Amino acid sequence: MTRLWRLREERGTAAVEFALISTVLFLIVFGIIEFGSTYTKYEVFVNAAREGGRRAAVRATKAEIQAAITDSAQGYTLSQTPNISVNGGVAADPPCNSTNTGATVTVSWNQTFPISIPFLPAWSPSVLIKGAFRCE
């Protein structure tokens, strides 16, 4: 009789334990997936900024620099129009020319990354994306 009573006491225990643990497990799994997706986007944007900076360093026009950035980030949308500066100041068109050889040309913008994980509030951090080269 005591053995039958013990079986009745433990009915549903596994289901309750799974319900408690599965929430944390799903948070971790979806968090890993969302982190991977966001990091991939971040790497694409950093490479696009480098490509834009490299094009600027070899005397491309602002339109050509913008096209290089857009082409490099194909499939993703930039949050802002990139800023192009030479030694921290406003850049001419083209940013690099024979008078500023050796100056640092920088292509940068703030990129927003929407992050959505189930059971947690949505979050959209803004990250500075930047690429810098020396004018040739």
N, C-alpha and C. Protein backbone atom coordinates (compact mmCIF):
# COMPACT_ATOMS: atom_id res chain seq x y z
N MET A 1 0.82 -1.19 0.00
CA MET A 1 0.00 0.00 0.00
C MET A 1 0.86 1.27 0.00
N THR A 2 1.95 1.24 0.75
CA THR A 2 2.81 2.42 0.81
C THR A 2 3.48 2.68 -0.55
N ARG A 3 3.77 1.63 -1.27
CA ARG A 3 4.39 1.80 -2.58
C ARG A 3 3.43 2.49 -3.55
N LEU A 4 2.18 2.14 -3.57
CA LEU A 4 1.18 2.76 -4.41
C LEU A 4 1.01 4.24 -4.04
N TRP A 5 1.07 4.54 -2.76
CA TRP A 5 0.92 5.91 -2.30
C TRP A 5 2.08 6.79 -2.80
N ARG A 6 3.31 6.27 -2.81
CA ARG A 6 4.47 7.01 -3.30
C ARG A 6 4.33 7.34 -4.80
N LEU A 7 3.81 6.41 -5.58
CA LEU A 7 3.63 6.68 -7.00
C LEU A 7 2.64 7.81 -7.23
N ARG A 8 1.62 7.88 -6.46
CA ARG A 8 0.62 8.94 -6.60
C ARG A 8 1.22 10.30 -6.25
N GLU A 9 2.09 10.35 -5.26
CA GLU A 9 2.70 11.60 -4.85
C GLU A 9 3.55 12.22 -5.95
N GLU A 10 4.19 11.41 -6.78
CA GLU A 10 5.15 11.91 -7.75
C GLU A 10 4.57 12.08 -9.16
N ARG A 11 3.30 11.92 -9.33
CA ARG A 11 2.71 12.11 -10.64
C ARG A 11 2.82 13.58 -11.05
N GLY A 12 3.25 13.82 -12.28
CA GLY A 12 3.34 15.18 -12.79
C GLY A 12 4.59 15.93 -12.39
N THR A 13 5.42 15.34 -11.58
CA THR A 13 6.63 16.03 -11.13
C THR A 13 7.55 16.33 -12.31
N ALA A 14 7.71 15.40 -13.19
CA ALA A 14 8.59 15.61 -14.35
C ALA A 14 8.04 16.71 -15.25
N ALA A 15 6.73 16.77 -15.42
CA ALA A 15 6.13 17.80 -16.27
C ALA A 15 6.34 19.19 -15.66
N VAL A 16 6.19 19.30 -14.35
CA VAL A 16 6.40 20.59 -13.69
C VAL A 16 7.86 21.00 -13.77
N GLU A 17 8.76 20.07 -13.53
CA GLU A 17 10.20 20.37 -13.63
C GLU A 17 10.57 20.80 -15.05
N PHE A 18 10.03 20.12 -16.05
CA PHE A 18 10.31 20.48 -17.43
C PHE A 18 9.77 21.87 -17.74
N ALA A 19 8.58 22.19 -17.25
CA ALA A 19 8.00 23.52 -17.49
C ALA A 19 8.88 24.61 -16.89
N LEU A 20 9.43 24.37 -15.73
CA LEU A 20 10.28 25.37 -15.09
C LEU A 20 11.62 25.52 -15.81
N ILE A 21 12.23 24.42 -16.15
CA ILE A 21 13.55 24.45 -16.78
C ILE A 21 13.46 24.85 -18.25
N SER A 22 12.39 24.49 -18.94
CA SER A 22 12.29 24.78 -20.37
C SER A 22 12.29 26.28 -20.65
N THR A 23 11.72 27.07 -19.76
CA THR A 23 11.72 28.53 -19.96
C THR A 23 13.14 29.06 -20.01
N VAL A 24 13.95 28.65 -19.07
CA VAL A 24 15.35 29.08 -19.03
C VAL A 24 16.10 28.52 -20.24
N LEU A 25 15.84 27.29 -20.58
CA LEU A 25 16.50 26.67 -21.73
C LEU A 25 16.16 27.42 -23.03
N PHE A 26 14.88 27.76 -23.22
CA PHE A 26 14.48 28.50 -24.41
C PHE A 26 15.10 29.89 -24.44
N LEU A 27 15.18 30.55 -23.30
CA LEU A 27 15.84 31.85 -23.24
C LEU A 27 17.30 31.75 -23.70
N ILE A 28 17.98 30.74 -23.23
CA ILE A 28 19.39 30.56 -23.61
C ILE A 28 19.52 30.24 -25.10
N VAL A 29 18.71 29.33 -25.60
CA VAL A 29 18.80 28.93 -27.01
C VAL A 29 18.48 30.12 -27.93
N PHE A 30 17.36 30.80 -27.67
CA PHE A 30 17.00 31.94 -28.52
C PHE A 30 17.97 33.10 -28.35
N GLY A 31 18.54 33.25 -27.15
CA GLY A 31 19.56 34.27 -26.93
C GLY A 31 20.80 34.00 -27.77
N ILE A 32 21.22 32.76 -27.84
CA ILE A 32 22.38 32.39 -28.65
C ILE A 32 22.10 32.64 -30.13
N ILE A 33 20.92 32.27 -30.58
CA ILE A 33 20.56 32.49 -31.98
C ILE A 33 20.54 33.98 -32.30
N GLU A 34 19.93 34.79 -31.44
CA GLU A 34 19.83 36.23 -31.67
C GLU A 34 21.21 36.89 -31.60
N PHE A 35 22.06 36.44 -30.68
CA PHE A 35 23.42 36.97 -30.60
C PHE A 35 24.19 36.67 -31.88
N GLY A 36 24.08 35.46 -32.38
CA GLY A 36 24.77 35.09 -33.62
C GLY A 36 24.30 35.93 -34.80
N SER A 37 23.01 36.14 -34.91
CA SER A 37 22.46 36.95 -35.99
C SER A 37 22.93 38.40 -35.89
N THR A 38 22.90 38.97 -34.69
CA THR A 38 23.33 40.35 -34.48
C THR A 38 24.82 40.51 -34.73
N TYR A 39 25.61 39.55 -34.29
CA TYR A 39 27.06 39.64 -34.50
C TYR A 39 27.41 39.53 -35.99
N THR A 40 26.67 38.72 -36.72
CA THR A 40 26.88 38.62 -38.17
C THR A 40 26.61 39.96 -38.83
N LYS A 41 25.51 40.61 -38.46
CA LYS A 41 25.19 41.93 -39.01
C LYS A 41 26.28 42.93 -38.65
N TYR A 42 26.75 42.90 -37.40
CA TYR A 42 27.80 43.81 -36.96
C TYR A 42 29.06 43.64 -37.81
N GLU A 43 29.47 42.41 -38.04
CA GLU A 43 30.66 42.15 -38.86
C GLU A 43 30.47 42.65 -40.30
N VAL A 44 29.29 42.48 -40.85
CA VAL A 44 29.01 42.97 -42.21
C VAL A 44 29.15 44.49 -42.25
N PHE A 45 28.61 45.18 -41.26
CA PHE A 45 28.69 46.65 -41.23
C PHE A 45 30.12 47.14 -41.01
N VAL A 46 30.88 46.46 -40.16
CA VAL A 46 32.29 46.85 -39.95
C VAL A 46 33.08 46.69 -41.24
N ASN A 47 32.86 45.59 -41.94
CA ASN A 47 33.54 45.39 -43.23
C ASN A 47 33.09 46.42 -44.26
N ALA A 48 31.82 46.82 -44.24
CA ALA A 48 31.34 47.85 -45.16
C ALA A 48 32.00 49.19 -44.85
N ALA A 49 32.18 49.50 -43.58
CA ALA A 49 32.86 50.75 -43.19
C ALA A 49 34.32 50.72 -43.63
N ARG A 50 34.97 49.57 -43.50
CA ARG A 50 36.35 49.44 -43.96
C ARG A 50 36.45 49.62 -45.47
N GLU A 51 35.51 49.03 -46.17
CA GLU A 51 35.50 49.16 -47.63
C GLU A 51 35.30 50.62 -48.04
N GLY A 52 34.38 51.30 -47.36
CA GLY A 52 34.16 52.72 -47.64
C GLY A 52 35.38 53.55 -47.32
N GLY A 53 36.03 53.25 -46.20
CA GLY A 53 37.25 53.97 -45.83
C GLY A 53 38.38 53.73 -46.80
N ARG A 54 38.49 52.52 -47.28
CA ARG A 54 39.54 52.19 -48.26
C ARG A 54 39.29 52.92 -49.57
N ARG A 55 38.03 52.95 -50.00
CA ARG A 55 37.70 53.67 -51.24
C ARG A 55 37.98 55.16 -51.08
N ALA A 56 37.68 55.71 -49.91
CA ALA A 56 37.95 57.13 -49.66
C ALA A 56 39.44 57.41 -49.69
N ALA A 57 40.25 56.49 -49.16
CA ALA A 57 41.70 56.69 -49.10
C ALA A 57 42.34 56.73 -50.48
N VAL A 58 41.73 56.08 -51.45
CA VAL A 58 42.31 56.06 -52.80
C VAL A 58 41.60 57.06 -53.72
N ARG A 59 41.07 58.14 -53.11
CA ARG A 59 40.55 59.30 -53.83
C ARG A 59 39.24 59.06 -54.59
N ALA A 60 38.36 58.28 -54.03
CA ALA A 60 37.03 58.10 -54.62
C ALA A 60 36.14 59.27 -54.19
N THR A 61 35.09 59.51 -54.96
CA THR A 61 34.14 60.57 -54.61
C THR A 61 33.21 60.08 -53.51
N LYS A 62 32.47 61.01 -52.91
CA LYS A 62 31.54 60.62 -51.84
C LYS A 62 30.46 59.67 -52.36
N ALA A 63 30.01 59.87 -53.57
CA ALA A 63 29.00 58.97 -54.16
C ALA A 63 29.58 57.56 -54.34
N GLU A 64 30.82 57.47 -54.78
CA GLU A 64 31.47 56.16 -54.94
C GLU A 64 31.70 55.48 -53.59
N ILE A 65 32.02 56.27 -52.58
CA ILE A 65 32.22 55.73 -51.23
C ILE A 65 30.90 55.17 -50.70
N GLN A 66 29.83 55.96 -50.85
CA GLN A 66 28.51 55.51 -50.41
C GLN A 66 28.08 54.24 -51.15
N ALA A 67 28.35 54.18 -52.44
CA ALA A 67 28.01 52.98 -53.22
C ALA A 67 28.80 51.77 -52.74
N ALA A 68 30.08 51.97 -52.41
CA ALA A 68 30.91 50.86 -51.92
C ALA A 68 30.38 50.35 -50.58
N ILE A 69 29.96 51.26 -49.72
CA ILE A 69 29.40 50.85 -48.41
C ILE A 69 28.11 50.09 -48.61
N THR A 70 27.23 50.61 -49.43
CA THR A 70 25.94 49.96 -49.69
C THR A 70 26.13 48.58 -50.33
N ASP A 71 27.05 48.49 -51.28
CA ASP A 71 27.31 47.20 -51.92
C ASP A 71 27.89 46.19 -50.94
N SER A 72 28.76 46.64 -50.04
CA SER A 72 29.37 45.73 -49.07
C SER A 72 28.38 45.25 -48.03
N ALA A 73 27.37 46.08 -47.74
CA ALA A 73 26.36 45.71 -46.74
C ALA A 73 25.10 45.18 -47.40
N GLN A 74 25.25 44.64 -48.59
CA GLN A 74 24.10 44.15 -49.35
C GLN A 74 23.28 43.17 -48.53
N GLY A 75 21.98 43.38 -48.50
CA GLY A 75 21.09 42.53 -47.73
C GLY A 75 20.75 43.11 -46.37
N TYR A 76 21.48 44.14 -45.94
CA TYR A 76 21.23 44.80 -44.66
C TYR A 76 21.03 46.29 -44.90
N THR A 77 20.26 46.93 -44.04
CA THR A 77 19.96 48.35 -44.18
C THR A 77 20.74 49.16 -43.16
N LEU A 78 21.40 50.22 -43.62
CA LEU A 78 22.11 51.11 -42.72
C LEU A 78 21.10 51.98 -41.98
N SER A 79 21.35 52.23 -40.69
CA SER A 79 20.46 53.07 -39.89
C SER A 79 20.59 54.54 -40.26
N GLN A 80 21.77 54.94 -40.66
CA GLN A 80 22.05 56.34 -40.98
C GLN A 80 22.92 56.42 -42.22
N THR A 81 22.99 57.63 -42.76
CA THR A 81 23.93 57.88 -43.85
C THR A 81 25.32 58.03 -43.23
N PRO A 82 26.32 57.35 -43.75
CA PRO A 82 27.67 57.44 -43.16
C PRO A 82 28.25 58.84 -43.23
N ASN A 83 28.97 59.20 -42.17
CA ASN A 83 29.70 60.47 -42.12
C ASN A 83 31.11 60.21 -42.63
N ILE A 84 31.62 61.12 -43.45
CA ILE A 84 32.99 61.00 -43.97
C ILE A 84 33.75 62.21 -43.47
N SER A 85 34.85 61.97 -42.77
CA SER A 85 35.64 63.07 -42.24
C SER A 85 37.12 62.83 -42.51
N VAL A 86 37.88 63.93 -42.58
CA VAL A 86 39.33 63.86 -42.75
C VAL A 86 39.95 64.57 -41.55
N ASN A 87 40.76 63.83 -40.79
CA ASN A 87 41.38 64.35 -39.56
C ASN A 87 40.34 64.95 -38.62
N GLY A 88 39.16 64.37 -38.55
CA GLY A 88 38.10 64.81 -37.65
C GLY A 88 37.27 65.97 -38.16
N GLY A 89 37.62 66.54 -39.30
CA GLY A 89 36.87 67.67 -39.86
C GLY A 89 35.99 67.25 -41.02
N VAL A 90 35.24 68.20 -41.53
CA VAL A 90 34.35 67.94 -42.67
C VAL A 90 35.19 67.62 -43.90
N ALA A 91 34.79 66.62 -44.63
CA ALA A 91 35.54 66.18 -45.81
C ALA A 91 35.03 66.86 -47.07
N ALA A 92 35.96 67.15 -47.97
CA ALA A 92 35.60 67.69 -49.29
C ALA A 92 35.16 66.53 -50.18
N ASP A 93 34.89 66.82 -51.42
CA ASP A 93 34.54 65.76 -52.37
C ASP A 93 35.52 65.80 -53.54
N PRO A 94 36.41 64.89 -53.70
CA PRO A 94 36.68 63.69 -52.91
C PRO A 94 37.39 64.04 -51.60
N PRO A 95 37.20 63.18 -50.57
CA PRO A 95 37.80 63.46 -49.27
C PRO A 95 39.33 63.49 -49.30
N CYS A 96 39.95 62.62 -50.05
CA CYS A 96 41.41 62.57 -50.14
C CYS A 96 41.85 63.14 -51.49
N ASN A 97 42.87 63.98 -51.44
CA ASN A 97 43.43 64.55 -52.67
C ASN A 97 44.93 64.77 -52.45
N SER A 98 45.57 65.39 -53.38
CA SER A 98 47.03 65.55 -53.29
C SER A 98 47.46 66.48 -52.16
N THR A 99 46.57 67.32 -51.65
CA THR A 99 46.95 68.25 -50.57
C THR A 99 46.89 67.63 -49.18
N ASN A 100 46.16 66.54 -49.02
CA ASN A 100 46.05 65.94 -47.67
C ASN A 100 46.54 64.50 -47.63
N THR A 101 47.52 64.16 -48.42
CA THR A 101 48.11 62.82 -48.40
C THR A 101 48.66 62.54 -47.00
N GLY A 102 48.33 61.39 -46.46
CA GLY A 102 48.77 61.01 -45.12
C GLY A 102 47.78 61.34 -44.02
N ALA A 103 46.75 62.13 -44.34
CA ALA A 103 45.71 62.45 -43.36
C ALA A 103 44.81 61.22 -43.15
N THR A 104 44.15 61.19 -42.01
CA THR A 104 43.27 60.06 -41.71
C THR A 104 41.86 60.36 -42.18
N VAL A 105 41.35 59.50 -43.04
CA VAL A 105 39.96 59.62 -43.50
C VAL A 105 39.14 58.56 -42.75
N THR A 106 37.99 58.99 -42.22
CA THR A 106 37.15 58.12 -41.39
C THR A 106 35.74 58.06 -41.97
N VAL A 107 35.22 56.87 -42.05
CA VAL A 107 33.82 56.64 -42.45
C VAL A 107 33.14 56.03 -41.24
N SER A 108 32.07 56.68 -40.76
CA SER A 108 31.42 56.17 -39.54
C SER A 108 29.92 56.48 -39.54
N TRP A 109 29.19 55.71 -38.76
CA TRP A 109 27.77 55.95 -38.53
C TRP A 109 27.34 55.13 -37.32
N ASN A 110 26.21 55.53 -36.72
CA ASN A 110 25.62 54.78 -35.62
C ASN A 110 24.60 53.80 -36.19
N GLN A 111 24.81 52.53 -35.92
CA GLN A 111 23.93 51.48 -36.43
C GLN A 111 23.08 50.94 -35.29
N THR A 112 21.79 50.84 -35.51
CA THR A 112 20.88 50.27 -34.52
C THR A 112 20.67 48.79 -34.81
N PHE A 113 20.77 47.98 -33.78
CA PHE A 113 20.59 46.54 -33.90
C PHE A 113 19.37 46.12 -33.07
N PRO A 114 18.24 45.82 -33.70
CA PRO A 114 17.08 45.36 -32.93
C PRO A 114 17.29 43.93 -32.45
N ILE A 115 17.11 43.73 -31.14
CA ILE A 115 17.29 42.40 -30.55
C ILE A 115 15.98 41.99 -29.90
N SER A 116 15.49 40.83 -30.29
CA SER A 116 14.21 40.34 -29.78
C SER A 116 14.36 38.89 -29.34
N ILE A 117 14.26 38.68 -28.04
CA ILE A 117 14.35 37.34 -27.47
C ILE A 117 13.00 37.07 -26.78
N PRO A 118 12.38 35.92 -27.04
CA PRO A 118 11.09 35.62 -26.40
C PRO A 118 11.19 35.71 -24.87
N PHE A 119 10.13 36.19 -24.25
CA PHE A 119 9.99 36.36 -22.80
C PHE A 119 10.78 37.55 -22.24
N LEU A 120 11.50 38.27 -23.09
CA LEU A 120 12.25 39.44 -22.64
C LEU A 120 11.81 40.65 -23.45
N PRO A 121 11.93 41.86 -22.89
CA PRO A 121 11.54 43.04 -23.66
C PRO A 121 12.48 43.27 -24.84
N ALA A 122 11.96 43.85 -25.91
CA ALA A 122 12.78 44.14 -27.09
C ALA A 122 13.82 45.19 -26.72
N TRP A 123 14.97 45.11 -27.39
CA TRP A 123 16.08 46.00 -27.09
C TRP A 123 16.73 46.40 -28.40
N SER A 124 17.10 47.66 -28.55
CA SER A 124 17.72 48.15 -29.79
C SER A 124 18.94 49.01 -29.47
N PRO A 125 20.08 48.38 -29.19
CA PRO A 125 21.28 49.18 -28.92
C PRO A 125 21.81 49.84 -30.18
N SER A 126 22.43 50.99 -30.00
CA SER A 126 23.05 51.71 -31.11
C SER A 126 24.56 51.60 -30.95
N VAL A 127 25.24 51.17 -32.02
CA VAL A 127 26.68 50.92 -31.98
C VAL A 127 27.37 51.76 -33.05
N LEU A 128 28.49 52.38 -32.68
CA LEU A 128 29.26 53.15 -33.65
C LEU A 128 30.04 52.20 -34.57
N ILE A 129 29.80 52.32 -35.86
CA ILE A 129 30.51 51.55 -36.87
C ILE A 129 31.51 52.50 -37.51
N LYS A 130 32.77 52.08 -37.61
CA LYS A 130 33.81 53.01 -38.05
C LYS A 130 34.90 52.30 -38.84
N GLY A 131 35.35 52.96 -39.90
CA GLY A 131 36.48 52.49 -40.67
C GLY A 131 37.40 53.66 -40.95
N ALA A 132 38.70 53.52 -40.70
CA ALA A 132 39.64 54.63 -40.89
C ALA A 132 40.86 54.16 -41.66
N PHE A 133 41.31 54.99 -42.59
CA PHE A 133 42.51 54.73 -43.38
C PHE A 133 43.27 56.04 -43.56
N ARG A 134 44.49 55.94 -44.04
CA ARG A 134 45.28 57.14 -44.37
C ARG A 134 45.11 57.44 -45.85
N CYS A 135 44.96 58.72 -46.15
CA CYS A 135 44.81 59.15 -47.55
C CYS A 135 46.09 58.84 -48.31
N GLU A 136 45.95 58.31 -49.50
CA GLU A 136 47.10 57.98 -50.34
C GLU A 136 47.30 59.00 -51.42
